[in-house]
Amino acid sequence: KNFSYYNEYKSYLSSLTMAKLNYCITDEMKAMFEEMRVRKGSALVVLTLELDKLDINVEVNKHHNEFSPDYTPYNCVKEMLHDDAQFKNRPCIMVFDHHTISRSKGTENESVIAFRWNAEGSKVKERMIYSSGWKSISTYFSNCGVCNSNNMFEASDWDDVTDKMSKYE
């Protein structure tokens, strides 16, 4: 009998899914991402999600003039995820302008990259919220031309990020 009850309970639990969270991009954020898309204004944006509301916060917004060839938005992302206690163990969504030179062709390439940082040290509830919220945000990025869907990914540790970013080198 207990085994039967356990299987029914297990089946019930597996049928539960987390509701899709539709986070909304504000008009100010839309303008900011449009500027990023055309290589003006923002070069690195870090978004965090309110866990109790469906609000998106802009935690970091760095502009192109804050970077140099020796210090790129990608270098800044690396610092924030490795050294900065603010994001090392905290989920967030990072969007940044990435400039590379093709080794084979010698041509310059620029891409807007977006990824969901699902830090291993973060709380399970936070990871679930970000996982659900990522769908609506990534759909917005793709539909509005901010970021090609091929340039969006999810990562939970720095090795994930470097593996995904290796295709841009």
C-alpha atoms as a PDB file:
ATOM      1  CA  LYS A   1       0.000   0.000   0.000  1.00  0.00           C
ATOM      2  CA  ASN A   2       2.700   2.502   0.917  1.00  0.00           C
ATOM      3  CA  PHE A   3       4.447   1.810  -2.372  1.00  0.00           C
ATOM      4  CA  SER A   4       1.244   2.582  -4.296  1.00  0.00           C
ATOM      5  CA  TYR A   5       0.719   5.829  -2.400  1.00  0.00           C
ATOM      6  CA  TYR A   6       4.346   6.810  -3.023  1.00  0.00           C
ATOM      7  CA  ASN A   7       3.975   6.244  -6.789  1.00  0.00           C
ATOM      8  CA  GLU A   8       0.774   8.305  -6.893  1.00  0.00           C
ATOM      9  CA  TYR A   9       2.469  11.109  -4.953  1.00  0.00           C
ATOM     10  CA  LYS A  10       5.521  10.955  -7.194  1.00  0.00           C
ATOM     11  CA  SER A  11       3.281  11.139 -10.275  1.00  0.00           C
ATOM     12  CA  TYR A  12       1.466  14.137  -8.797  1.00  0.00           C
ATOM     13  CA  LEU A  13       4.744  15.946  -8.091  1.00  0.00           C
ATOM     14  CA  SER A  14       6.035  15.350 -11.606  1.00  0.00           C
ATOM     15  CA  SER A  15       2.832  16.861 -13.039  1.00  0.00           C
ATOM     16  CA  LEU A  16       3.456  20.150 -11.239  1.00  0.00           C
ATOM     17  CA  THR A  17       5.260  22.763 -13.280  1.00  0.00           C
ATOM     18  CA  MET A  18       6.286  26.259 -12.422  1.00  0.00           C
ATOM     19  CA  ALA A  19       4.110  28.931 -13.981  1.00  0.00           C
ATOM     20  CA  LYS A  20       5.651  30.843 -16.857  1.00  0.00           C
ATOM     21  CA  LEU A  21       6.709  34.237 -15.589  1.00  0.00           C
ATOM     22  CA  ASN A  22       6.236  37.006 -18.128  1.00  0.00           C
ATOM     23  CA  TYR A  23       8.672  39.696 -17.143  1.00  0.00           C
ATOM     24  CA  CYS A  24       8.107  42.922 -19.059  1.00  0.00           C
ATOM     25  CA  ILE A  25      10.807  45.031 -20.648  1.00  0.00           C
ATOM     26  CA  THR A  26      10.139  48.725 -19.925  1.00  0.00           C
ATOM     27  CA  ASP A  27      10.242  51.403 -22.621  1.00  0.00           C
ATOM     28  CA  GLU A  28      13.491  52.747 -21.142  1.00  0.00           C
ATOM     29  CA  MET A  29      15.055  49.291 -21.410  1.00  0.00           C
ATOM     30  CA  LYS A  30      13.807  48.931 -24.988  1.00  0.00           C
ATOM     31  CA  ALA A  31      15.541  52.194 -25.902  1.00  0.00           C
ATOM     32  CA  MET A  32      18.719  51.069 -24.119  1.00  0.00           C
ATOM     33  CA  PHE A  33      18.777  47.731 -25.991  1.00  0.00           C
ATOM     34  CA  GLU A  34      18.051  49.439 -29.314  1.00  0.00           C
ATOM     35  CA  GLU A  35      21.092  51.660 -28.762  1.00  0.00           C
ATOM     36  CA  MET A  36      23.135  48.569 -27.941  1.00  0.00           C
ATOM     37  CA  ARG A  37      21.945  46.876 -31.119  1.00  0.00           C
ATOM     38  CA  VAL A  38      23.193  49.779 -33.263  1.00  0.00           C
ATOM     39  CA  ARG A  39      26.457  50.064 -31.264  1.00  0.00           C
ATOM     40  CA  LYS A  40      25.649  53.296 -29.474  1.00  0.00           C
ATOM     41  CA  GLY A  41      25.207  53.819 -25.764  1.00  0.00           C
ATOM     42  CA  SER A  42      25.257  50.679 -23.651  1.00  0.00           C
ATOM     43  CA  ALA A  43      27.898  47.998 -24.158  1.00  0.00           C
ATOM     44  CA  LEU A  44      27.188  45.888 -21.057  1.00  0.00           C
ATOM     45  CA  VAL A  45      23.924  45.522 -19.165  1.00  0.00           C
ATOM     46  CA  VAL A  46      23.278  43.261 -16.192  1.00  0.00           C
ATOM     47  CA  LEU A  47      19.631  42.567 -15.377  1.00  0.00           C
ATOM     48  CA  THR A  48      18.224  41.099 -12.192  1.00  0.00           C
ATOM     49  CA  LEU A  49      14.681  39.893 -11.618  1.00  0.00           C
ATOM     50  CA  GLU A  50      12.511  40.824  -8.659  1.00  0.00           C
ATOM     51  CA  LEU A  51      11.516  37.568  -7.037  1.00  0.00           C
ATOM     52  CA  ASP A  52       8.242  38.853  -5.557  1.00  0.00           C
ATOM     53  CA  LYS A  53       7.149  40.969  -8.548  1.00  0.00           C
ATOM     54  CA  LEU A  54       7.511  40.732 -12.285  1.00  0.00           C
ATOM     55  CA  ASP A  55       9.990  43.629 -12.383  1.00  0.00           C
ATOM     56  CA  ILE A  56      13.357  43.694 -14.086  1.00  0.00           C
ATOM     57  CA  ASN A  57      16.133  45.810 -12.558  1.00  0.00           C
ATOM     58  CA  VAL A  58      19.119  47.199 -14.432  1.00  0.00           C
ATOM     59  CA  GLU A  59      21.947  46.549 -11.973  1.00  0.00           C
ATOM     60  CA  VAL A  60      24.826  47.526 -14.294  1.00  0.00           C
ATOM     61  CA  ASN A  61      24.775  49.690 -17.408  1.00  0.00           C
ATOM     62  CA  LYS A  62      28.204  50.432 -18.828  1.00  0.00           C
ATOM     63  CA  HIS A  63      28.618  52.427 -22.041  1.00  0.00           C
ATOM     64  CA  HIS A  64      31.045  51.965 -24.914  1.00  0.00           C
ATOM     65  CA  ASN A  65      33.194  54.902 -23.775  1.00  0.00           C
ATOM     66  CA  GLU A  66      33.960  53.044 -20.518  1.00  0.00           C
ATOM     67  CA  PHE A  67      35.849  50.332 -22.409  1.00  0.00           C
ATOM     68  CA  SER A  68      39.032  50.156 -24.472  1.00  0.00           C
ATOM     69  CA  PRO A  69      40.643  47.551 -26.744  1.00  0.00           C
ATOM     70  CA  ASP A  70      42.489  46.258 -23.677  1.00  0.00           C
ATOM     71  CA  TYR A  71      39.413  46.238 -21.441  1.00  0.00           C
ATOM     72  CA  THR A  72      36.330  44.930 -23.234  1.00  0.00           C
ATOM     73  CA  PRO A  73      32.800  44.221 -22.007  1.00  0.00           C
ATOM     74  CA  TYR A  74      33.720  40.514 -22.026  1.00  0.00           C
ATOM     75  CA  ASN A  75      36.650  41.228 -19.674  1.00  0.00           C
ATOM     76  CA  CYS A  76      34.254  43.070 -17.388  1.00  0.00           C
ATOM     77  CA  VAL A  77      31.806  40.123 -17.441  1.00  0.00           C
ATOM     78  CA  LYS A  78      34.657  37.830 -16.448  1.00  0.00           C
ATOM     79  CA  GLU A  79      35.580  40.074 -13.523  1.00  0.00           C
ATOM     80  CA  MET A  80      31.980  40.305 -12.325  1.00  0.00           C
ATOM     81  CA  LEU A  81      31.465  36.548 -12.368  1.00  0.00           C
ATOM     82  CA  HIS A  82      34.843  35.663 -10.865  1.00  0.00           C
ATOM     83  CA  ASP A  83      35.712  38.403  -8.423  1.00  0.00           C
ATOM     84  CA  ASP A  84      32.661  40.519  -7.757  1.00  0.00           C
ATOM     85  CA  ALA A  85      30.702  39.199  -4.797  1.00  0.00           C
ATOM     86  CA  GLN A  86      27.616  40.883  -6.229  1.00  0.00           C
ATOM     87  CA  PHE A  87      27.234  38.387  -9.099  1.00  0.00           C
ATOM     88  CA  LYS A  88      29.563  35.475  -8.376  1.00  0.00           C
ATOM     89  CA  ASN A  89      26.844  33.520  -6.549  1.00  0.00           C
ATOM     90  CA  ARG A  90      23.789  35.418  -7.706  1.00  0.00           C
ATOM     91  CA  PRO A  91      21.742  34.714 -10.830  1.00  0.00           C
ATOM     92  CA  CYS A  92      21.399  37.490 -13.392  1.00  0.00           C
ATOM     93  CA  ILE A  93      21.050  38.114 -17.108  1.00  0.00           C
ATOM     94  CA  MET A  94      24.042  39.633 -18.866  1.00  0.00           C
ATOM     95  CA  VAL A  95      23.820  41.335 -22.231  1.00  0.00           C
ATOM     96  CA  PHE A  96      26.940  42.712 -23.857  1.00  0.00           C
ATOM     97  CA  ASP A  97      28.458  43.852 -27.121  1.00  0.00           C
ATOM     98  CA  HIS A  98      31.216  41.461 -28.172  1.00  0.00           C
ATOM     99  CA  HIS A  99      33.820  42.452 -30.744  1.00  0.00           C
ATOM    100  CA  THR A 100      36.107  39.844 -32.315  1.00  0.00           C
ATOM    101  CA  ILE A 101      38.402  39.484 -35.294  1.00  0.00           C
ATOM    102  CA  SER A 102      38.044  36.280 -37.286  1.00  0.00           C
ATOM    103  CA  ARG A 103      41.329  34.394 -37.273  1.00  0.00           C
ATOM    104  CA  SER A 104      40.639  32.707 -40.603  1.00  0.00           C
ATOM    105  CA  LYS A 105      39.265  35.708 -42.524  1.00  0.00           C
ATOM    106  CA  GLY A 106      40.756  38.599 -40.578  1.00  0.00           C
ATOM    107  CA  THR A 107      37.382  40.369 -40.598  1.00  0.00           C
ATOM    108  CA  GLU A 108      35.843  42.173 -37.665  1.00  0.00           C
ATOM    109  CA  ASN A 109      32.674  40.760 -36.159  1.00  0.00           C
ATOM    110  CA  GLU A 110      30.366  42.357 -33.648  1.00  0.00           C
ATOM    111  CA  SER A 111      27.612  40.472 -31.860  1.00  0.00           C
ATOM    112  CA  VAL A 112      25.307  41.213 -28.974  1.00  0.00           C
ATOM    113  CA  ILE A 113      25.523  38.274 -26.580  1.00  0.00           C
ATOM    114  CA  ALA A 114      22.903  37.519 -23.915  1.00  0.00           C
ATOM    115  CA  PHE A 115      23.092  34.823 -21.304  1.00  0.00           C
ATOM    116  CA  ARG A 116      21.381  33.740 -18.147  1.00  0.00           C
ATOM    117  CA  TRP A 117      23.886  33.312 -15.331  1.00  0.00           C
ATOM    118  CA  ASN A 118      22.506  30.593 -13.106  1.00  0.00           C
ATOM    119  CA  ALA A 119      25.173  30.649 -10.422  1.00  0.00           C
ATOM    120  CA  GLU A 120      25.769  27.331  -8.715  1.00  0.00           C
ATOM    121  CA  GLY A 121      25.952  29.066  -5.337  1.00  0.00           C
ATOM    122  CA  SER A 122      22.512  30.668  -5.686  1.00  0.00           C
ATOM    123  CA  LYS A 123      19.321  29.519  -4.003  1.00  0.00           C
ATOM    124  CA  VAL A 124      17.118  26.964  -5.763  1.00  0.00           C
ATOM    125  CA  LYS A 125      14.127  29.326  -5.749  1.00  0.00           C
ATOM    126  CA  GLU A 126      16.183  32.036  -7.479  1.00  0.00           C
ATOM    127  CA  ARG A 127      17.362  29.610 -10.166  1.00  0.00           C
ATOM    128  CA  MET A 128      13.771  28.514 -10.807  1.00  0.00           C
ATOM    129  CA  ILE A 129      12.573  32.130 -11.116  1.00  0.00           C
ATOM    130  CA  TYR A 130      15.360  32.968 -13.569  1.00  0.00           C
ATOM    131  CA  SER A 131      14.785  29.828 -15.569  1.00  0.00           C
ATOM    132  CA  SER A 132      11.120  30.666 -16.000  1.00  0.00           C
ATOM    133  CA  GLY A 133      11.681  34.410 -16.587  1.00  0.00           C
ATOM    134  CA  TRP A 134      14.441  33.811 -19.147  1.00  0.00           C
ATOM    135  CA  LYS A 135      11.919  32.552 -21.694  1.00  0.00           C
ATOM    136  CA  SER A 136      10.014  35.841 -21.978  1.00  0.00           C
ATOM    137  CA  ILE A 137      13.182  37.947 -21.919  1.00  0.00           C
ATOM    138  CA  SER A 138      15.028  35.889 -24.543  1.00  0.00           C
ATOM    139  CA  THR A 139      11.907  35.927 -26.738  1.00  0.00           C
ATOM    140  CA  TYR A 140      11.882  39.723 -26.542  1.00  0.00           C
ATOM    141  CA  PHE A 141      15.589  39.909 -27.468  1.00  0.00           C
ATOM    142  CA  SER A 142      15.074  37.618 -30.448  1.00  0.00           C
ATOM    143  CA  ASN A 143      11.847  39.218 -31.724  1.00  0.00           C
ATOM    144  CA  CYS A 144      13.128  42.794 -31.484  1.00  0.00           C
ATOM    145  CA  GLY A 145      16.482  42.083 -33.092  1.00  0.00           C
ATOM    146  CA  VAL A 146      18.501  42.940 -30.000  1.00  0.00           C
ATOM    147  CA  CYS A 147      20.218  39.577 -30.069  1.00  0.00           C
ATOM    148  CA  ASN A 148      20.125  36.632 -32.458  1.00  0.00           C
ATOM    149  CA  SER A 149      18.878  33.443 -30.783  1.00  0.00           C
ATOM    150  CA  ASN A 150      22.219  31.803 -31.700  1.00  0.00           C
ATOM    151  CA  ASN A 151      23.896  34.368 -29.438  1.00  0.00           C
ATOM    152  CA  MET A 152      21.884  33.493 -26.330  1.00  0.00           C
ATOM    153  CA  PHE A 153      22.775  30.802 -23.838  1.00  0.00           C
ATOM    154  CA  GLU A 154      22.581  29.702 -20.232  1.00  0.00           C
ATOM    155  CA  ALA A 155      25.560  29.120 -17.954  1.00  0.00           C
ATOM    156  CA  SER A 156      26.046  27.977 -14.382  1.00  0.00           C
ATOM    157  CA  ASP A 157      29.822  28.239 -14.113  1.00  0.00           C
ATOM    158  CA  TRP A 158      32.671  30.028 -15.858  1.00  0.00           C
ATOM    159  CA  ASP A 159      33.569  26.938 -17.917  1.00  0.00           C
ATOM    160  CA  ASP A 160      30.076  27.061 -19.458  1.00  0.00           C
ATOM    161  CA  VAL A 161      30.632  30.678 -20.442  1.00  0.00           C
ATOM    162  CA  THR A 162      34.049  30.085 -21.997  1.00  0.00           C
ATOM    163  CA  ASP A 163      32.781  27.012 -23.882  1.00  0.00           C
ATOM    164  CA  LYS A 164      29.884  28.989 -25.362  1.00  0.00           C
ATOM    165  CA  MET A 165      32.045  32.047 -26.084  1.00  0.00           C
ATOM    166  CA  SER A 166      34.732  29.995 -27.857  1.00  0.00           C
ATOM    167  CA  LYS A 167      32.631  29.999 -31.036  1.00  0.00           C
ATOM    168  CA  TYR A 168      33.204  33.766 -31.333  1.00  0.00           C
ATOM    169  CA  GLU A 169      36.994  33.566 -31.322  1.00  0.00           C
END
